[in-house]
Amino acid sequence: MKLRALCIAGLLATGLSLAHGQVLGGSAWTSLSAQQRQVLAPVQAQWSQLDGDTRDRLALLAARYPGWAPEEQQRLRERLAEWTQLSAAERQRIHLGFQAAQRVNPSDREQKWQRYQALSPEQRQALQERGARRLKEPAVAASAPAERRPALAGVAAVQANTLLPLRGPRKP
């Protein structure tokens, strides 16, 4: 499940960046084409809660959808359906995990993938179960005092309401 969730985050974050800040989806569901709305139907209920960048990435994804092979289209439909079943805390953890994975040197990432591929099916299952348990752990309360929050590796400061890294210097 964690690997699938990481793939979902990857779909939403990689290869979908907009060229030169082009805005595709706008802020309203009704601004999407009929084809885009059909592809993105699984996320319609959450559409208004998504930030503009995510909406634009999803709109671009839906625009590219018709040119994909049928198995790629099926995979996207499955991933979107899974993504809608995740809680906001699970999505946040997946997003942070994806960001951490992107910071790993590509050659190191390839070595880690090869080590994973070399594991026995039982070892892979145990690793997946451990990851699933970590996904279900309660989120750290953003309102907890800073000294009681666990440190996030590689993140100096985070936004209190989202636990996303702050851009630029932290304001007192």
C-alpha atoms as a PDB file:
ATOM      1  CA  MET A   1       0.000   0.000   0.000  1.00  0.00           C
ATOM      2  CA  LYS A   2       2.778   2.436   0.872  1.00  0.00           C
ATOM      3  CA  LEU A   3       4.503   1.788  -2.440  1.00  0.00           C
ATOM      4  CA  ARG A   4       1.232   2.393  -4.275  1.00  0.00           C
ATOM      5  CA  ALA A   5       0.635   5.556  -2.291  1.00  0.00           C
ATOM      6  CA  LEU A   6       4.137   6.743  -3.128  1.00  0.00           C
ATOM      7  CA  CYS A   7       3.341   6.094  -6.793  1.00  0.00           C
ATOM      8  CA  ILE A   8       0.229   8.217  -6.431  1.00  0.00           C
ATOM      9  CA  ALA A   9       2.299  11.037  -4.985  1.00  0.00           C
ATOM     10  CA  GLY A  10       4.699  10.594  -7.864  1.00  0.00           C
ATOM     11  CA  LEU A  11       1.908  10.874 -10.381  1.00  0.00           C
ATOM     12  CA  LEU A  12       0.798  14.082  -8.774  1.00  0.00           C
ATOM     13  CA  ALA A  13       4.265  15.570  -8.425  1.00  0.00           C
ATOM     14  CA  THR A  14       6.548  14.362 -11.232  1.00  0.00           C
ATOM     15  CA  GLY A  15       6.263  14.997 -14.887  1.00  0.00           C
ATOM     16  CA  LEU A  16       3.285  17.197 -14.296  1.00  0.00           C
ATOM     17  CA  SER A  17       4.973  20.495 -13.618  1.00  0.00           C
ATOM     18  CA  LEU A  18       3.631  23.247 -15.763  1.00  0.00           C
ATOM     19  CA  ALA A  19       5.835  24.871 -18.354  1.00  0.00           C
ATOM     20  CA  HIS A  20       6.499  28.533 -17.626  1.00  0.00           C
ATOM     21  CA  GLY A  21       3.799  28.751 -14.956  1.00  0.00           C
ATOM     22  CA  GLN A  22       0.990  27.999 -17.406  1.00  0.00           C
ATOM     23  CA  VAL A  23      -2.356  27.693 -15.646  1.00  0.00           C
ATOM     24  CA  LEU A  24      -4.626  25.019 -17.077  1.00  0.00           C
ATOM     25  CA  GLY A  25      -7.339  24.049 -14.675  1.00  0.00           C
ATOM     26  CA  GLY A  26      -8.263  27.329 -13.111  1.00  0.00           C
ATOM     27  CA  SER A  27      -9.854  27.258  -9.707  1.00  0.00           C
ATOM     28  CA  ALA A  28     -13.289  25.960 -10.597  1.00  0.00           C
ATOM     29  CA  TRP A  29     -14.307  22.416 -11.489  1.00  0.00           C
ATOM     30  CA  THR A  30     -16.536  23.893 -14.193  1.00  0.00           C
ATOM     31  CA  SER A  31     -13.503  25.471 -15.902  1.00  0.00           C
ATOM     32  CA  LEU A  32     -12.302  21.965 -16.864  1.00  0.00           C
ATOM     33  CA  SER A  33     -13.248  20.448 -20.207  1.00  0.00           C
ATOM     34  CA  ALA A  34     -15.815  17.646 -20.230  1.00  0.00           C
ATOM     35  CA  GLN A  35     -13.031  15.153 -20.950  1.00  0.00           C
ATOM     36  CA  GLN A  36     -10.920  16.428 -18.028  1.00  0.00           C
ATOM     37  CA  ARG A  37     -13.924  16.237 -15.686  1.00  0.00           C
ATOM     38  CA  GLN A  38     -14.553  12.646 -16.780  1.00  0.00           C
ATOM     39  CA  VAL A  39     -10.927  11.619 -16.127  1.00  0.00           C
ATOM     40  CA  LEU A  40     -10.797  13.471 -12.805  1.00  0.00           C
ATOM     41  CA  ALA A  41     -14.252  12.393 -11.600  1.00  0.00           C
ATOM     42  CA  PRO A  42     -12.755  10.421  -8.655  1.00  0.00           C
ATOM     43  CA  VAL A  43     -11.353  13.651  -7.166  1.00  0.00           C
ATOM     44  CA  GLN A  44     -14.378  15.862  -7.827  1.00  0.00           C
ATOM     45  CA  ALA A  45     -15.489  15.801  -4.179  1.00  0.00           C
ATOM     46  CA  GLN A  46     -12.052  17.026  -3.013  1.00  0.00           C
ATOM     47  CA  TRP A  47     -11.485  19.467  -5.904  1.00  0.00           C
ATOM     48  CA  SER A  48     -12.421  22.595  -3.973  1.00  0.00           C
ATOM     49  CA  GLN A  49     -10.005  21.687  -1.151  1.00  0.00           C
ATOM     50  CA  LEU A  50      -7.019  21.176  -3.493  1.00  0.00           C
ATOM     51  CA  ASP A  51      -4.512  23.978  -3.921  1.00  0.00           C
ATOM     52  CA  GLY A  52      -4.206  25.659  -7.319  1.00  0.00           C
ATOM     53  CA  ASP A  53      -0.921  23.946  -8.239  1.00  0.00           C
ATOM     54  CA  THR A  54      -2.395  20.503  -7.584  1.00  0.00           C
ATOM     55  CA  ARG A  55      -5.501  21.338  -9.596  1.00  0.00           C
ATOM     56  CA  ASP A  56      -3.323  22.556 -12.470  1.00  0.00           C
ATOM     57  CA  ARG A  57      -1.181  19.394 -12.345  1.00  0.00           C
ATOM     58  CA  LEU A  58      -4.262  17.195 -12.360  1.00  0.00           C
ATOM     59  CA  ALA A  59      -5.773  19.179 -15.244  1.00  0.00           C
ATOM     60  CA  LEU A  60      -2.563  18.699 -17.242  1.00  0.00           C
ATOM     61  CA  LEU A  61      -2.588  14.996 -16.391  1.00  0.00           C
ATOM     62  CA  ALA A  62      -6.183  14.706 -17.629  1.00  0.00           C
ATOM     63  CA  ALA A  63      -5.301  16.582 -20.824  1.00  0.00           C
ATOM     64  CA  ARG A  64      -2.518  14.058 -21.573  1.00  0.00           C
ATOM     65  CA  TYR A  65      -4.690  11.044 -20.684  1.00  0.00           C
ATOM     66  CA  PRO A  66      -6.189  10.348 -24.162  1.00  0.00           C
ATOM     67  CA  GLY A  67      -2.724   9.764 -25.657  1.00  0.00           C
ATOM     68  CA  TRP A  68      -1.794   7.089 -23.132  1.00  0.00           C
ATOM     69  CA  ALA A  69      -1.886   3.342 -23.628  1.00  0.00           C
ATOM     70  CA  PRO A  70      -4.996   1.635 -22.162  1.00  0.00           C
ATOM     71  CA  GLU A  71      -2.996   0.030 -19.313  1.00  0.00           C
ATOM     72  CA  GLU A  72      -1.575   3.448 -18.344  1.00  0.00           C
ATOM     73  CA  GLN A  73      -5.084   4.912 -18.369  1.00  0.00           C
ATOM     74  CA  GLN A  74      -6.321   2.057 -16.159  1.00  0.00           C
ATOM     75  CA  ARG A  75      -3.415   2.577 -13.741  1.00  0.00           C
ATOM     76  CA  LEU A  76      -4.254   6.280 -13.426  1.00  0.00           C
ATOM     77  CA  ARG A  77      -7.924   5.504 -12.728  1.00  0.00           C
ATOM     78  CA  GLU A  78      -6.891   3.033 -10.007  1.00  0.00           C
ATOM     79  CA  ARG A  79      -4.381   5.452  -8.448  1.00  0.00           C
ATOM     80  CA  LEU A  80      -6.865   8.325  -8.376  1.00  0.00           C
ATOM     81  CA  ALA A  81      -9.452   6.082  -6.734  1.00  0.00           C
ATOM     82  CA  GLU A  82      -6.899   5.003  -4.105  1.00  0.00           C
ATOM     83  CA  TRP A  83      -5.796   8.601  -3.526  1.00  0.00           C
ATOM     84  CA  THR A  84      -9.362   9.693  -2.767  1.00  0.00           C
ATOM     85  CA  GLN A  85      -9.563   7.000  -0.049  1.00  0.00           C
ATOM     86  CA  LEU A  86      -6.536   8.380   1.839  1.00  0.00           C
ATOM     87  CA  SER A  87      -6.962  10.734   4.745  1.00  0.00           C
ATOM     88  CA  ALA A  88      -5.357  14.174   4.610  1.00  0.00           C
ATOM     89  CA  ALA A  89      -2.735  12.983   7.134  1.00  0.00           C
ATOM     90  CA  GLU A  90      -1.900   9.953   4.981  1.00  0.00           C
ATOM     91  CA  ARG A  91      -1.574  12.140   1.893  1.00  0.00           C
ATOM     92  CA  GLN A  92       0.689  14.496   3.821  1.00  0.00           C
ATOM     93  CA  ARG A  93       2.945  11.645   4.962  1.00  0.00           C
ATOM     94  CA  ILE A  94       3.118  10.294   1.424  1.00  0.00           C
ATOM     95  CA  HIS A  95       3.964  13.742   0.093  1.00  0.00           C
ATOM     96  CA  LEU A  96       6.771  14.156   2.626  1.00  0.00           C
ATOM     97  CA  GLY A  97       8.063  10.667   1.808  1.00  0.00           C
ATOM     98  CA  PHE A  98       8.038  11.458  -1.889  1.00  0.00           C
ATOM     99  CA  GLN A  99       9.937  14.698  -1.281  1.00  0.00           C
ATOM    100  CA  ALA A 100      12.518  12.807   0.768  1.00  0.00           C
ATOM    101  CA  ALA A 101      12.878  10.194  -1.984  1.00  0.00           C
ATOM    102  CA  GLN A 102      13.441  12.928  -4.558  1.00  0.00           C
ATOM    103  CA  ARG A 103      16.333  14.315  -2.484  1.00  0.00           C
ATOM    104  CA  VAL A 104      18.177  10.984  -2.672  1.00  0.00           C
ATOM    105  CA  ASN A 105      20.959  10.847  -5.246  1.00  0.00           C
ATOM    106  CA  PRO A 106      19.669   8.929  -8.327  1.00  0.00           C
ATOM    107  CA  SER A 107      22.492   6.373  -8.147  1.00  0.00           C
ATOM    108  CA  ASP A 108      21.773   5.797  -4.428  1.00  0.00           C
ATOM    109  CA  ARG A 109      18.082   5.462  -5.231  1.00  0.00           C
ATOM    110  CA  GLU A 110      18.893   2.857  -7.903  1.00  0.00           C
ATOM    111  CA  GLN A 111      21.041   0.912  -5.419  1.00  0.00           C
ATOM    112  CA  LYS A 112      18.245   0.969  -2.840  1.00  0.00           C
ATOM    113  CA  TRP A 113      15.757  -0.217  -5.458  1.00  0.00           C
ATOM    114  CA  GLN A 114      18.065  -3.080  -6.420  1.00  0.00           C
ATOM    115  CA  ARG A 115      18.431  -4.056  -2.739  1.00  0.00           C
ATOM    116  CA  TYR A 116      14.635  -4.026  -2.418  1.00  0.00           C
ATOM    117  CA  GLN A 117      14.290  -6.178  -5.534  1.00  0.00           C
ATOM    118  CA  ALA A 118      16.757  -8.678  -4.008  1.00  0.00           C
ATOM    119  CA  LEU A 119      14.604  -9.172  -0.891  1.00  0.00           C
ATOM    120  CA  SER A 120      12.621 -12.353  -0.499  1.00  0.00           C
ATOM    121  CA  PRO A 121       8.820 -12.102  -0.840  1.00  0.00           C
ATOM    122  CA  GLU A 122       8.507 -12.518   2.946  1.00  0.00           C
ATOM    123  CA  GLN A 123      10.973  -9.670   3.598  1.00  0.00           C
ATOM    124  CA  ARG A 124       9.135  -7.419   1.141  1.00  0.00           C
ATOM    125  CA  GLN A 125       5.819  -8.230   2.832  1.00  0.00           C
ATOM    126  CA  ALA A 126       7.270  -7.418   6.259  1.00  0.00           C
ATOM    127  CA  LEU A 127       8.625  -4.128   4.933  1.00  0.00           C
ATOM    128  CA  GLN A 128       5.269  -3.238   3.375  1.00  0.00           C
ATOM    129  CA  GLU A 129       3.434  -4.055   6.604  1.00  0.00           C
ATOM    130  CA  ARG A 130       5.817  -1.888   8.605  1.00  0.00           C
ATOM    131  CA  GLY A 131       5.226   0.956   6.145  1.00  0.00           C
ATOM    132  CA  ALA A 132       1.455   0.494   6.365  1.00  0.00           C
ATOM    133  CA  ARG A 133       1.622   0.675  10.175  1.00  0.00           C
ATOM    134  CA  ARG A 134       3.620   3.907   9.927  1.00  0.00           C
ATOM    135  CA  LEU A 135       0.979   5.386   7.623  1.00  0.00           C
ATOM    136  CA  LYS A 136      -1.723   4.657  10.185  1.00  0.00           C
ATOM    137  CA  GLU A 137       0.146   6.259  13.103  1.00  0.00           C
ATOM    138  CA  PRO A 138      -1.577   9.420  14.300  1.00  0.00           C
ATOM    139  CA  ALA A 139      -0.230  12.620  12.831  1.00  0.00           C
ATOM    140  CA  VAL A 140       1.838  14.944  14.982  1.00  0.00           C
ATOM    141  CA  ALA A 141      -0.403  17.687  16.267  1.00  0.00           C
ATOM    142  CA  ALA A 142       0.693  20.937  14.656  1.00  0.00           C
ATOM    143  CA  SER A 143      -0.520  22.769  17.733  1.00  0.00           C
ATOM    144  CA  ALA A 144       1.811  20.828  20.046  1.00  0.00           C
ATOM    145  CA  PRO A 145       4.700  22.854  21.457  1.00  0.00           C
ATOM    146  CA  ALA A 146       7.769  22.703  19.195  1.00  0.00           C
ATOM    147  CA  GLU A 147       9.829  20.914  21.874  1.00  0.00           C
ATOM    148  CA  ARG A 148       7.267  18.048  21.896  1.00  0.00           C
ATOM    149  CA  ARG A 149       7.163  17.603  18.104  1.00  0.00           C
ATOM    150  CA  PRO A 150       9.516  15.060  16.583  1.00  0.00           C
ATOM    151  CA  ALA A 151      12.192  16.600  14.395  1.00  0.00           C
ATOM    152  CA  LEU A 152      11.703  16.158  10.677  1.00  0.00           C
ATOM    153  CA  ALA A 153      15.011  15.175   9.084  1.00  0.00           C
ATOM    154  CA  GLY A 154      16.260  17.770   6.634  1.00  0.00           C
ATOM    155  CA  VAL A 155      13.489  20.250   7.388  1.00  0.00           C
ATOM    156  CA  ALA A 156      14.550  23.238   9.452  1.00  0.00           C
ATOM    157  CA  ALA A 157      11.141  24.844   9.807  1.00  0.00           C
ATOM    158  CA  VAL A 158       7.629  23.752   8.933  1.00  0.00           C
ATOM    159  CA  GLN A 159       4.292  25.444   8.570  1.00  0.00           C
ATOM    160  CA  ALA A 160       2.292  24.810  11.712  1.00  0.00           C
ATOM    161  CA  ASN A 161      -0.973  24.004   9.940  1.00  0.00           C
ATOM    162  CA  THR A 162       0.400  21.651   7.255  1.00  0.00           C
ATOM    163  CA  LEU A 163       3.848  20.485   8.370  1.00  0.00           C
ATOM    164  CA  LEU A 164       5.160  21.513   4.939  1.00  0.00           C
ATOM    165  CA  PRO A 165       8.616  23.122   4.810  1.00  0.00           C
ATOM    166  CA  LEU A 166       8.536  26.889   4.965  1.00  0.00           C
ATOM    167  CA  ARG A 167       9.808  28.735   1.937  1.00  0.00           C
ATOM    168  CA  GLY A 168      12.338  31.385   2.873  1.00  0.00           C
ATOM    169  CA  PRO A 169      13.309  32.508   6.367  1.00  0.00           C
ATOM    170  CA  ARG A 170      11.019  31.640   9.256  1.00  0.00           C
ATOM    171  CA  LYS A 171       9.191  34.590  10.750  1.00  0.00           C
ATOM    172  CA  PRO A 172       8.985  34.863  14.544  1.00  0.00           C
END
